[in-house]
N, C-alpha and C. Protein backbone atom coordinates (compact mmCIF):
# COMPACT_ATOMS: atom_id res chain seq x y z
N MET A 1 100.00 91.39 356.98
CA MET A 1 100.36 91.31 358.40
C MET A 1 101.45 91.81 358.57
N LEU A 2 102.08 91.91 359.79
CA LEU A 2 103.20 92.38 360.34
C LEU A 2 104.48 92.36 359.09
N ASP A 3 104.72 91.19 358.63
CA ASP A 3 105.82 90.72 357.89
C ASP A 3 105.66 91.30 356.12
N ARG A 4 104.30 91.24 355.81
CA ARG A 4 104.07 92.00 354.65
C ARG A 4 104.11 93.26 354.71
N HIS A 5 103.50 94.20 355.54
CA HIS A 5 103.78 95.54 355.70
C HIS A 5 104.87 95.92 355.72
N ALA A 6 105.88 95.22 356.64
CA ALA A 6 107.07 95.75 356.36
C ALA A 6 108.02 95.04 355.88
N ARG A 7 108.02 94.48 354.64
CA ARG A 7 108.74 93.99 354.06
C ARG A 7 109.79 94.95 353.18
N GLY A 8 108.86 96.13 352.40
CA GLY A 8 109.43 97.10 351.85
C GLY A 8 110.68 97.62 352.71
N VAL A 9 110.50 97.95 353.51
CA VAL A 9 111.22 98.75 354.77
C VAL A 9 112.68 97.75 355.15
N THR A 10 112.22 96.46 355.51
CA THR A 10 113.26 95.63 356.08
C THR A 10 114.23 95.60 354.65
N THR A 11 113.63 95.38 353.39
CA THR A 11 114.48 94.88 352.14
C THR A 11 115.56 96.10 352.16
N ARG A 12 114.95 97.69 352.42
CA ARG A 12 115.97 98.60 352.03
C ARG A 12 117.00 98.55 353.22
N VAL A 13 116.47 98.25 354.46
CA VAL A 13 117.61 97.98 355.25
C VAL A 13 118.82 96.98 355.56
N PHE A 14 118.21 95.72 354.99
CA PHE A 14 119.19 94.58 354.90
C PHE A 14 119.72 94.20 353.55
N LEU A 15 119.54 95.00 352.63
CA LEU A 15 119.78 94.94 351.18
C LEU A 15 121.44 94.96 351.57
N PRO A 16 122.00 96.05 351.82
CA PRO A 16 123.63 95.91 351.69
C PRO A 16 124.08 94.96 352.57
N VAL A 17 123.61 94.58 353.43
CA VAL A 17 123.99 93.14 354.10
C VAL A 17 123.91 92.24 353.38
N ALA A 18 123.05 91.61 352.81
CA ALA A 18 122.67 90.71 352.10
C ALA A 18 123.68 90.48 350.96
N ARG A 19 123.79 91.76 350.26
CA ARG A 19 124.81 91.78 349.13
C ARG A 19 126.00 91.58 349.42
N GLY A 20 126.51 92.03 350.72
CA GLY A 20 128.21 91.87 351.35
C GLY A 20 128.17 90.11 351.49
N LEU A 21 127.39 89.64 351.88
CA LEU A 21 127.38 88.41 352.37
C LEU A 21 127.63 87.58 351.22
N LEU A 22 126.51 87.63 349.95
CA LEU A 22 126.86 87.30 348.76
C LEU A 22 128.31 87.50 348.10
N ARG A 23 128.54 88.70 348.41
CA ARG A 23 130.11 88.88 347.86
C ARG A 23 131.07 88.08 348.23
N ALA A 24 130.82 87.97 349.92
CA ALA A 24 131.57 86.95 350.60
C ALA A 24 131.63 85.66 350.40
N GLY A 25 130.93 85.16 349.25
CA GLY A 25 130.59 83.77 349.27
C GLY A 25 130.03 82.83 350.14
N VAL A 26 129.08 83.59 350.94
CA VAL A 26 128.13 82.92 352.15
C VAL A 26 126.44 82.97 351.30
N SER A 27 126.18 81.61 351.53
CA SER A 27 124.77 81.11 350.95
C SER A 27 123.78 81.38 351.82
N PRO A 28 122.55 81.91 351.08
CA PRO A 28 121.24 82.07 351.97
C PRO A 28 120.87 81.05 352.96
N ASP A 29 121.15 79.52 352.68
CA ASP A 29 120.99 78.32 353.24
C ASP A 29 121.80 78.41 354.65
N ALA A 30 122.99 78.92 354.35
CA ALA A 30 124.15 79.34 355.56
C ALA A 30 123.46 80.31 356.28
N VAL A 31 122.97 81.19 355.93
CA VAL A 31 122.33 82.25 356.74
C VAL A 31 121.00 81.71 357.79
N THR A 32 120.28 80.97 356.73
CA THR A 32 119.04 80.37 357.48
C THR A 32 119.51 79.38 358.68
N VAL A 33 120.58 78.84 358.41
CA VAL A 33 121.28 77.34 359.58
C VAL A 33 121.66 78.60 360.65
N THR A 34 122.55 79.24 360.55
CA THR A 34 123.03 79.97 361.24
C THR A 34 122.39 80.98 362.27
N GLY A 35 121.18 81.37 361.63
CA GLY A 35 120.18 82.26 362.27
C GLY A 35 119.12 81.18 363.36
N THR A 36 119.13 79.95 362.71
CA THR A 36 118.01 78.91 363.63
C THR A 36 119.22 78.26 365.02
N VAL A 37 120.52 78.36 364.69
CA VAL A 37 121.23 77.94 365.81
C VAL A 37 121.28 79.39 366.78
N GLY A 38 121.38 80.50 366.32
CA GLY A 38 121.63 81.33 367.34
C GLY A 38 120.36 81.75 367.98
N VAL A 39 119.30 81.43 367.64
CA VAL A 39 118.02 81.55 368.38
C VAL A 39 118.01 80.56 369.23
N SER A 40 118.06 79.41 368.72
CA SER A 40 118.12 78.44 369.63
C SER A 40 118.88 78.45 371.05
N LEU A 41 120.34 78.85 370.47
CA LEU A 41 121.13 79.04 371.47
C LEU A 41 120.64 80.14 372.57
N GLY A 42 120.24 81.00 372.05
CA GLY A 42 119.52 82.45 372.81
C GLY A 42 119.15 82.05 373.83
N ALA A 43 117.71 81.36 373.24
CA ALA A 43 116.61 80.83 373.91
C ALA A 43 116.77 79.71 375.14
N LEU A 44 117.88 78.72 374.55
CA LEU A 44 117.75 77.52 375.64
C LEU A 44 119.08 77.64 376.41
N VAL A 45 119.69 78.83 376.26
CA VAL A 45 120.96 78.86 377.41
C VAL A 45 120.29 79.98 378.08
N PHE A 46 120.33 81.08 377.62
CA PHE A 46 119.96 82.44 378.40
C PHE A 46 118.45 82.14 379.04
N TYR A 47 117.49 81.98 378.48
CA TYR A 47 116.34 81.77 379.58
C TYR A 47 116.22 80.88 380.59
N PRO A 48 116.85 79.83 380.61
CA PRO A 48 116.86 78.77 381.51
C PRO A 48 117.49 79.56 382.76
N LEU A 49 118.52 80.23 382.36
CA LEU A 49 119.48 80.60 383.50
C LEU A 49 118.89 82.09 384.01
N GLY A 50 117.64 82.70 383.76
CA GLY A 50 116.88 83.77 384.11
C GLY A 50 117.25 85.13 383.35
N GLU A 51 118.32 84.67 382.39
CA GLU A 51 118.58 86.02 381.57
C GLU A 51 117.57 86.22 380.63
N LEU A 52 116.34 86.76 380.84
CA LEU A 52 115.31 87.19 379.76
C LEU A 52 115.93 88.13 378.88
N PHE A 53 116.20 89.26 379.52
CA PHE A 53 116.58 90.61 378.68
C PHE A 53 117.72 89.99 377.49
N TRP A 54 118.86 89.76 378.29
CA TRP A 54 119.89 89.32 377.32
C TRP A 54 119.81 88.12 376.13
N GLY A 55 119.03 87.16 376.73
CA GLY A 55 118.69 86.01 375.86
C GLY A 55 117.42 86.77 374.57
N THR A 56 116.45 87.43 375.22
CA THR A 56 116.04 88.31 374.01
C THR A 56 116.79 88.98 373.08
N ILE A 57 117.63 89.80 373.37
CA ILE A 57 118.74 90.78 372.51
C ILE A 57 119.26 89.61 371.60
N VAL A 58 119.55 88.66 371.93
CA VAL A 58 120.65 87.46 371.08
C VAL A 58 119.58 86.89 370.34
N ILE A 59 118.42 86.38 370.61
CA ILE A 59 117.30 86.16 369.71
C ILE A 59 117.03 87.00 368.70
N THR A 60 117.08 88.40 369.02
CA THR A 60 116.20 89.16 368.32
C THR A 60 117.32 89.66 366.91
N LEU A 61 118.67 89.48 367.61
CA LEU A 61 120.13 89.60 366.47
C LEU A 61 119.83 88.44 365.59
N PHE A 62 119.50 87.33 365.79
CA PHE A 62 119.76 86.34 364.88
C PHE A 62 118.34 86.15 364.27
N VAL A 63 117.35 86.82 364.52
CA VAL A 63 115.92 86.71 364.05
C VAL A 63 116.13 87.60 362.80
N PHE A 64 116.85 88.39 362.94
CA PHE A 64 117.00 89.36 361.47
C PHE A 64 117.81 88.23 360.27
N SER A 65 118.40 87.16 360.59
CA SER A 65 118.69 86.68 359.86
C SER A 65 117.48 85.75 358.67
N ASP A 66 116.51 85.81 359.24
CA ASP A 66 115.35 85.61 358.71
C ASP A 66 114.80 86.28 357.30
N LEU A 67 115.18 87.48 357.64
CA LEU A 67 114.99 88.57 356.83
C LEU A 67 116.12 88.32 355.72
N VAL A 68 117.05 88.46 356.20
CA VAL A 68 118.14 88.62 355.19
C VAL A 68 118.42 87.36 354.24
N ASP A 69 118.26 86.06 354.87
CA ASP A 69 118.58 84.99 353.53
C ASP A 69 117.27 85.09 352.63
N GLY A 70 116.47 85.68 353.10
CA GLY A 70 115.16 85.91 351.61
C GLY A 70 115.65 87.22 350.86
N ILE A 71 116.18 87.92 351.14
CA ILE A 71 116.71 88.97 350.17
C ILE A 71 118.29 88.44 349.34
N MET A 72 118.82 87.81 350.47
CA MET A 72 120.02 87.03 349.39
C MET A 72 119.16 86.00 348.12
N ALA A 73 118.42 85.20 348.66
CA ALA A 73 117.66 84.56 347.75
C ALA A 73 117.44 85.43 346.40
N ARG A 74 116.87 86.17 346.62
CA ARG A 74 116.40 86.98 345.78
C ARG A 74 117.32 87.76 344.57
N GLU A 75 118.31 88.11 345.29
CA GLU A 75 119.28 89.15 344.73
C GLU A 75 120.20 87.95 344.29
N ALA A 76 120.40 86.92 344.39
CA ALA A 76 121.09 85.83 343.93
C ALA A 76 120.26 84.98 342.61
N GLY A 77 118.76 85.13 342.68
CA GLY A 77 118.16 84.50 341.75
C GLY A 77 118.07 82.75 342.43
N THR A 78 118.20 82.47 343.62
CA THR A 78 118.15 81.20 343.92
C THR A 78 116.76 80.64 344.63
N THR A 79 115.73 81.62 344.46
CA THR A 79 114.29 81.27 345.28
C THR A 79 113.90 80.27 344.54
N GLY A 80 113.49 79.41 345.36
CA GLY A 80 112.99 77.89 344.84
C GLY A 80 112.37 77.27 345.93
N ARG A 81 112.11 76.24 345.59
CA ARG A 81 111.04 75.48 346.67
C ARG A 81 111.63 74.91 347.78
N TRP A 82 113.33 74.32 347.49
CA TRP A 82 114.10 74.21 348.29
C TRP A 82 114.19 75.00 349.90
N GLY A 83 114.55 76.24 349.26
CA GLY A 83 114.65 77.22 350.04
C GLY A 83 113.54 77.48 350.72
N SER A 84 112.62 77.47 350.44
CA SER A 84 110.90 77.76 350.85
C SER A 84 111.00 76.78 352.09
N PHE A 85 111.26 75.51 351.91
CA PHE A 85 111.03 74.53 352.77
C PHE A 85 112.18 74.50 353.64
N LEU A 86 113.00 74.82 353.45
CA LEU A 86 113.99 74.74 354.71
C LEU A 86 113.97 75.88 355.63
N ASP A 87 113.56 77.26 355.21
CA ASP A 87 113.30 78.44 355.79
C ASP A 87 112.04 78.03 356.76
N SER A 88 111.15 77.51 356.17
CA SER A 88 109.83 77.49 357.05
C SER A 88 109.88 76.00 357.76
N THR A 89 110.83 75.22 357.75
CA THR A 89 111.09 74.25 358.49
C THR A 89 111.61 74.75 359.85
N LEU A 90 112.78 75.48 359.51
CA LEU A 90 113.55 76.05 360.60
C LEU A 90 113.09 77.26 361.24
N ASP A 91 111.97 77.89 361.01
CA ASP A 91 111.22 78.51 361.52
C ASP A 91 110.52 77.78 362.77
N ARG A 92 109.79 76.82 362.32
CA ARG A 92 109.24 76.11 363.51
C ARG A 92 110.29 75.59 364.42
N VAL A 93 111.72 75.55 364.07
CA VAL A 93 112.45 74.94 365.20
C VAL A 93 112.89 76.40 366.37
N GLN A 94 113.02 77.52 365.52
CA GLN A 94 112.99 78.68 366.37
C GLN A 94 111.76 78.93 367.18
N ASP A 95 110.80 78.79 367.03
CA ASP A 95 109.84 79.20 367.58
C ASP A 95 109.33 78.09 368.69
N ALA A 96 109.85 76.66 368.56
CA ALA A 96 109.90 75.72 369.66
C ALA A 96 110.56 76.07 370.55
N ALA A 97 111.96 76.53 370.19
CA ALA A 97 113.33 76.75 370.86
C ALA A 97 112.79 78.04 371.93
N VAL A 98 112.21 79.12 371.30
CA VAL A 98 111.92 80.30 372.23
C VAL A 98 110.70 79.89 373.27
N PHE A 99 109.85 79.18 372.79
CA PHE A 99 108.75 78.63 373.62
C PHE A 99 109.28 77.67 374.83
N LEU A 100 109.97 76.95 374.25
CA LEU A 100 110.62 75.90 375.17
C LEU A 100 111.67 76.66 376.28
N GLY A 101 112.28 77.61 375.96
CA GLY A 101 113.15 78.40 376.95
C GLY A 101 112.48 79.24 377.91
N VAL A 102 111.34 79.52 377.51
CA VAL A 102 110.31 80.46 378.48
C VAL A 102 109.62 79.47 379.38
N LEU A 103 109.49 78.28 378.80
CA LEU A 103 108.90 77.03 379.61
C LEU A 103 109.83 76.53 380.66
N TRP A 104 111.11 76.53 380.14
CA TRP A 104 111.95 76.08 381.14
C TRP A 104 112.16 77.04 381.98
N TRP A 105 112.11 78.50 381.83
CA TRP A 105 112.07 79.36 382.55
C TRP A 105 111.15 79.56 383.66
N GLY A 106 109.95 79.24 383.64
CA GLY A 106 109.02 79.33 384.20
C GLY A 106 108.65 78.07 385.14
N PHE A 107 109.17 76.78 384.85
CA PHE A 107 109.40 75.52 385.69
C PHE A 107 110.61 75.51 386.52
N GLY A 108 111.52 76.50 386.31
CA GLY A 108 112.83 76.33 386.88
C GLY A 108 113.15 77.57 387.82
N VAL A 109 114.00 78.52 386.91
CA VAL A 109 114.61 79.63 388.13
C VAL A 109 113.36 80.83 388.14
N GLY A 110 112.53 80.92 387.21
CA GLY A 110 111.48 81.53 387.51
C GLY A 110 110.26 81.66 388.30
N ASP A 111 110.26 80.33 388.88
CA ASP A 111 109.38 79.89 389.85
C ASP A 111 107.73 80.29 389.20
N ASN A 112 107.41 80.13 387.93
CA ASN A 112 106.12 80.48 387.48
C ASN A 112 105.43 79.55 386.73
N PRO A 113 105.00 78.34 387.22
CA PRO A 113 104.51 77.22 386.58
C PRO A 113 103.45 77.63 385.63
N THR A 114 102.62 78.97 385.84
CA THR A 114 101.61 79.50 384.73
C THR A 114 102.21 79.60 383.63
N VAL A 115 103.11 80.61 383.53
CA VAL A 115 103.90 80.83 382.60
C VAL A 115 104.48 79.51 381.66
N GLY A 116 104.98 78.56 382.32
CA GLY A 116 105.46 77.37 381.82
C GLY A 116 104.22 76.87 380.75
N VAL A 117 103.21 76.49 381.59
CA VAL A 117 102.26 75.64 381.02
C VAL A 117 101.61 76.67 379.70
N LEU A 118 101.46 78.03 379.93
CA LEU A 118 101.12 78.96 378.62
C LEU A 118 101.95 78.81 377.77
N ALA A 119 103.26 78.88 377.97
CA ALA A 119 104.53 78.42 376.75
C ALA A 119 104.29 77.50 376.37
N ALA A 120 103.95 76.57 376.83
CA ALA A 120 104.02 75.04 376.30
C ALA A 120 102.52 75.15 375.13
N SER A 121 101.26 75.52 375.83
CA SER A 121 100.33 75.78 374.94
C SER A 121 100.29 76.69 373.57
N CYS A 122 101.21 77.70 373.75
CA CYS A 122 101.68 78.84 372.68
C CYS A 122 102.40 77.83 371.79
N MET A 123 103.65 76.74 372.06
CA MET A 123 104.34 76.21 371.25
C MET A 123 103.47 75.42 370.43
N ALA A 124 102.43 74.80 371.16
CA ALA A 124 101.44 73.67 370.31
C ALA A 124 100.68 74.13 369.69
N LEU A 125 100.10 75.14 369.83
CA LEU A 125 99.05 75.70 369.26
C LEU A 125 99.67 76.58 367.86
N GLY A 126 100.90 77.25 368.18
CA GLY A 126 101.54 77.28 366.97
C GLY A 126 102.04 76.78 365.64
N MET A 127 102.27 75.77 366.28
CA MET A 127 102.56 74.64 365.64
C MET A 127 101.35 74.07 364.77
N LEU A 128 100.26 74.11 365.41
CA LEU A 128 98.98 73.89 364.49
C LEU A 128 98.42 74.98 363.77
N VAL A 129 98.69 76.00 364.00
CA VAL A 129 98.42 77.05 362.80
C VAL A 129 99.13 77.10 361.99
N SER A 130 100.35 76.55 362.12
CA SER A 130 101.51 76.75 361.00
C SER A 130 100.91 75.20 360.25
N TYR A 131 100.74 74.24 360.84
CA TYR A 131 100.35 72.94 360.18
C TYR A 131 98.94 73.25 359.39
N ALA A 132 97.96 73.59 359.78
CA ALA A 132 96.78 73.97 359.29
C ALA A 132 97.20 74.99 357.62
N ARG A 133 97.88 76.12 358.01
CA ARG A 133 98.06 76.36 356.49
C ARG A 133 99.13 75.27 355.52
N ALA A 134 99.62 74.78 355.73
CA ALA A 134 100.40 74.05 355.40
C ALA A 134 99.71 72.52 354.76
N LYS A 135 99.18 71.92 355.27
CA LYS A 135 98.19 71.10 354.79
C LYS A 135 97.07 71.55 353.75
N ALA A 136 96.66 72.85 354.14
CA ALA A 136 95.71 73.22 353.20
C ALA A 136 96.07 73.63 352.01
N GLU A 137 97.35 74.07 352.00
CA GLU A 137 98.19 74.46 350.63
C GLU A 137 98.78 72.84 349.59
N SER A 138 98.91 72.21 350.50
CA SER A 138 99.21 70.65 350.03
C SER A 138 97.84 70.12 349.34
N LEU A 139 96.90 70.54 349.78
CA LEU A 139 95.63 70.03 349.16
C LEU A 139 95.35 71.13 348.30
N GLY A 140 95.95 72.14 347.70
CA GLY A 140 95.18 73.12 346.91
C GLY A 140 94.33 74.09 347.17
N PHE A 141 94.09 74.33 348.33
CA PHE A 141 93.72 75.43 349.27
C PHE A 141 94.53 76.63 349.81
N THR A 142 94.02 77.77 350.29
CA THR A 142 94.84 78.60 350.55
C THR A 142 94.26 78.87 352.16
N ALA A 143 95.20 78.97 353.02
CA ALA A 143 94.72 79.53 354.64
C ALA A 143 95.67 80.51 355.13
N ASN A 144 95.88 81.49 354.13
CA ASN A 144 96.98 82.32 354.74
C ASN A 144 96.03 83.65 355.50
N VAL A 145 95.18 83.06 356.56
CA VAL A 145 94.04 84.28 356.99
C VAL A 145 94.73 83.74 358.47
N GLY A 146 94.04 84.90 359.36
CA GLY A 146 94.08 84.69 360.96
C GLY A 146 94.79 86.06 361.54
N ILE A 147 94.37 85.89 362.79
CA ILE A 147 94.98 87.07 363.62
C ILE A 147 96.22 86.96 364.33
N ALA A 148 96.92 85.64 363.93
CA ALA A 148 97.99 85.55 364.91
C ALA A 148 99.20 84.68 364.18
N GLU A 149 99.63 85.35 363.15
CA GLU A 149 100.46 84.79 362.40
C GLU A 149 101.79 84.72 363.11
N ARG A 150 103.06 84.02 362.33
CA ARG A 150 104.25 83.78 363.09
C ARG A 150 105.05 85.48 363.57
N ALA A 151 104.92 86.54 362.67
CA ALA A 151 105.57 87.04 363.22
C ALA A 151 104.74 87.87 364.19
N GLU A 152 103.46 88.00 364.47
CA GLU A 152 102.98 88.79 365.40
C GLU A 152 103.44 87.79 366.98
N ARG A 153 103.31 86.52 366.38
CA ARG A 153 103.51 86.04 367.91
C ARG A 153 104.64 86.07 368.25
N LEU A 154 105.85 86.16 367.53
CA LEU A 154 107.13 86.08 368.33
C LEU A 154 107.40 87.32 368.56
N VAL A 155 107.04 88.42 367.88
CA VAL A 155 107.25 90.16 368.27
C VAL A 155 106.95 90.04 369.79
N ALA A 156 105.51 89.74 369.86
CA ALA A 156 104.45 89.70 371.06
C ALA A 156 105.61 89.15 372.15
N THR A 157 105.97 87.99 372.04
CA THR A 157 106.64 87.17 372.91
C THR A 157 107.82 87.68 373.49
N LEU A 158 108.45 88.29 372.35
CA LEU A 158 109.91 88.64 372.61
C LEU A 158 109.91 89.59 373.25
N VAL A 159 108.86 90.83 373.10
CA VAL A 159 108.82 91.94 373.94
C VAL A 159 108.23 91.64 375.43
N ALA A 160 107.59 90.80 375.53
CA ALA A 160 107.01 90.63 376.62
C ALA A 160 108.19 89.92 377.80
N VAL A 161 108.86 88.80 376.94
CA VAL A 161 109.94 88.10 377.66
C VAL A 161 110.99 89.15 378.20
N GLY A 162 111.35 90.05 376.94
CA GLY A 162 112.71 91.05 377.30
C GLY A 162 112.13 92.20 378.36
N LEU A 163 110.69 92.64 378.27
CA LEU A 163 110.19 93.58 379.54
C LEU A 163 110.34 92.80 380.88
N THR A 164 110.00 91.68 380.88
CA THR A 164 109.80 90.86 382.12
C THR A 164 111.40 90.77 382.61
N GLY A 165 112.56 90.43 381.65
CA GLY A 165 113.79 90.47 382.11
C GLY A 165 114.42 91.74 382.74
N LEU A 166 113.50 93.04 382.55
CA LEU A 166 114.02 94.05 382.81
C LEU A 166 113.33 94.68 384.11
N GLY A 167 112.47 93.56 384.49
CA GLY A 167 112.11 93.74 385.96
C GLY A 167 110.64 94.02 385.98
N LEU A 168 109.84 94.33 384.73
CA LEU A 168 108.29 94.09 385.01
C LEU A 168 107.94 93.10 385.63
N PRO A 169 106.72 93.18 386.16
CA PRO A 169 105.95 91.96 386.93
C PRO A 169 105.55 90.62 385.96
N PRO A 170 105.92 89.68 386.06
CA PRO A 170 105.60 88.49 385.27
C PRO A 170 104.27 88.45 384.83
N VAL A 171 103.58 88.69 385.63
CA VAL A 171 101.98 88.85 385.01
C VAL A 171 102.02 89.48 383.93
N LEU A 172 102.88 90.60 383.36
CA LEU A 172 102.72 90.90 381.80
C LEU A 172 102.93 89.79 380.82
N LEU A 173 104.04 88.75 381.13
CA LEU A 173 104.04 87.57 380.21
C LEU A 173 103.06 86.72 380.45
N THR A 174 102.47 86.61 381.63
CA THR A 174 101.36 85.64 381.59
C THR A 174 100.32 86.16 380.55
N VAL A 175 100.05 87.31 380.65
CA VAL A 175 98.88 87.90 379.97
C VAL A 175 99.36 87.61 378.40
N VAL A 176 99.93 88.10 378.06
CA VAL A 176 100.60 88.38 376.88
C VAL A 176 100.56 86.55 376.30
N LEU A 177 101.08 85.85 376.93
CA LEU A 177 101.10 84.28 376.43
C LEU A 177 99.69 83.71 376.58
N ALA A 178 98.69 84.06 377.42
CA ALA A 178 97.57 83.95 377.38
C ALA A 178 96.54 84.47 376.09
N LEU A 179 96.89 85.40 375.92
CA LEU A 179 96.27 86.21 374.45
C LEU A 179 96.51 85.68 373.59
N LEU A 180 98.07 85.26 373.22
CA LEU A 180 98.73 84.58 372.19
C LEU A 180 98.05 83.18 372.03
N ALA A 181 97.86 82.20 373.19
CA ALA A 181 97.11 81.17 373.07
C ALA A 181 95.77 81.13 372.45
N LEU A 182 95.11 82.41 372.88
CA LEU A 182 93.87 82.39 372.30
C LEU A 182 93.80 82.91 371.09
N ALA A 183 94.69 83.46 370.66
CA ALA A 183 94.40 84.18 369.39
C ALA A 183 94.88 83.05 368.38
N SER A 184 96.00 81.98 369.04
CA SER A 184 96.24 80.79 367.87
C SER A 184 94.94 80.05 367.47
N VAL A 185 94.10 80.19 368.91
CA VAL A 185 93.07 78.95 368.61
C VAL A 185 92.06 80.11 367.65
N VAL A 186 91.72 81.07 367.94
CA VAL A 186 91.09 81.80 366.81
C VAL A 186 91.51 81.51 365.41
N THR A 187 92.87 81.57 365.31
CA THR A 187 93.42 81.55 363.95
C THR A 187 93.53 80.20 363.16
N VAL A 188 93.49 79.13 364.09
CA VAL A 188 93.40 77.89 363.56
C VAL A 188 91.89 77.68 362.94
N LEU A 189 90.73 78.34 363.99
CA LEU A 189 89.55 78.15 363.34
C LEU A 189 89.24 78.91 362.06
N GLN A 190 89.94 79.95 362.19
CA GLN A 190 89.69 81.14 360.79
C GLN A 190 90.12 80.26 359.76
N ARG A 191 91.37 79.19 359.94
CA ARG A 191 91.88 78.99 358.69
C ARG A 191 90.91 77.44 358.18
N VAL A 192 90.47 76.68 359.46
CA VAL A 192 89.43 75.85 359.07
C VAL A 192 88.21 76.31 358.55
N ALA A 193 87.85 77.46 358.60
CA ALA A 193 86.33 77.92 358.20
C ALA A 193 86.86 77.97 356.82
N ALA A 194 88.27 78.88 356.49
CA ALA A 194 88.36 79.40 355.14
C ALA A 194 88.70 77.98 353.84
N VAL A 195 89.06 76.68 354.87
CA VAL A 195 89.24 75.70 353.82
C VAL A 195 87.77 75.30 353.77
N ARG A 196 87.14 75.19 354.37
CA ARG A 196 85.73 74.42 354.42
C ARG A 196 84.73 75.31 353.54
N ARG A 197 85.09 76.65 353.40
CA ARG A 197 84.18 77.49 352.28
C ARG A 197 84.97 76.98 350.94
N GLN A 198 86.08 77.09 350.72
CA GLN A 198 86.80 76.35 349.74
C GLN A 198 86.34 75.20 348.94
N ALA A 199 86.45 74.32 349.87
CA ALA A 199 86.36 72.97 349.62
C ALA A 199 84.49 72.92 349.27
N ARG A 200 83.72 73.52 349.61
CA ARG A 200 82.38 73.52 349.42
C ARG A 200 82.24 73.92 348.03
N ALA A 201 82.89 75.19 347.56
CA ALA A 201 82.84 75.62 346.60
C ALA A 201 83.56 74.90 345.27
N SER A 202 84.42 74.10 345.60
CA SER A 202 84.76 73.16 344.78
C SER A 202 83.86 72.19 344.39
N ALA A 203 83.30 71.73 345.50
CA ALA A 203 82.57 70.88 345.19
C ALA A 203 81.16 71.03 344.54
N ALA A 204 80.69 72.29 344.97
CA ALA A 204 79.61 72.56 343.96
C ALA A 204 79.97 73.07 342.40
């Protein structure tokens, strides 16, 4: 998907940054945690105040840490299960913060309960998408299929929120969130179907 296709380009772009941080004694875990704190503050401070554009800028800057920490770990030869666990767990924190911020805006200064409800739906369904894959893998199956993986959901949400902050009608954000919720449902069903096929094949 998006993150796999862009991996080569982003590695080349952020490799000097990653190496510089490693030389400065910064650990990949520290970058992961810092990125999560930055994303969470950007979403939960700026969005509820109605600063959708600037909140999106802050979030986007810190989202890049999710790329840098992985490059750092590979460069340092410290990739492992702990780093993967921490990264995946904090990714869920970031996702929740973004949608909570949008939800807060919708029910607050944005005066758009529909956006609030859709943001809550996207947050819940996004967690379900991630859980379906994690549970499948814990049982020995693979479920890395679907039309709405994390990168796509995050990019679409941030673009729509940022454009709304620049003055575009909130209906754009409403439509994007509705489509994301629908795509998340489809993704869950795709993963369930994939695991079901694998379970039947192993039983046979």
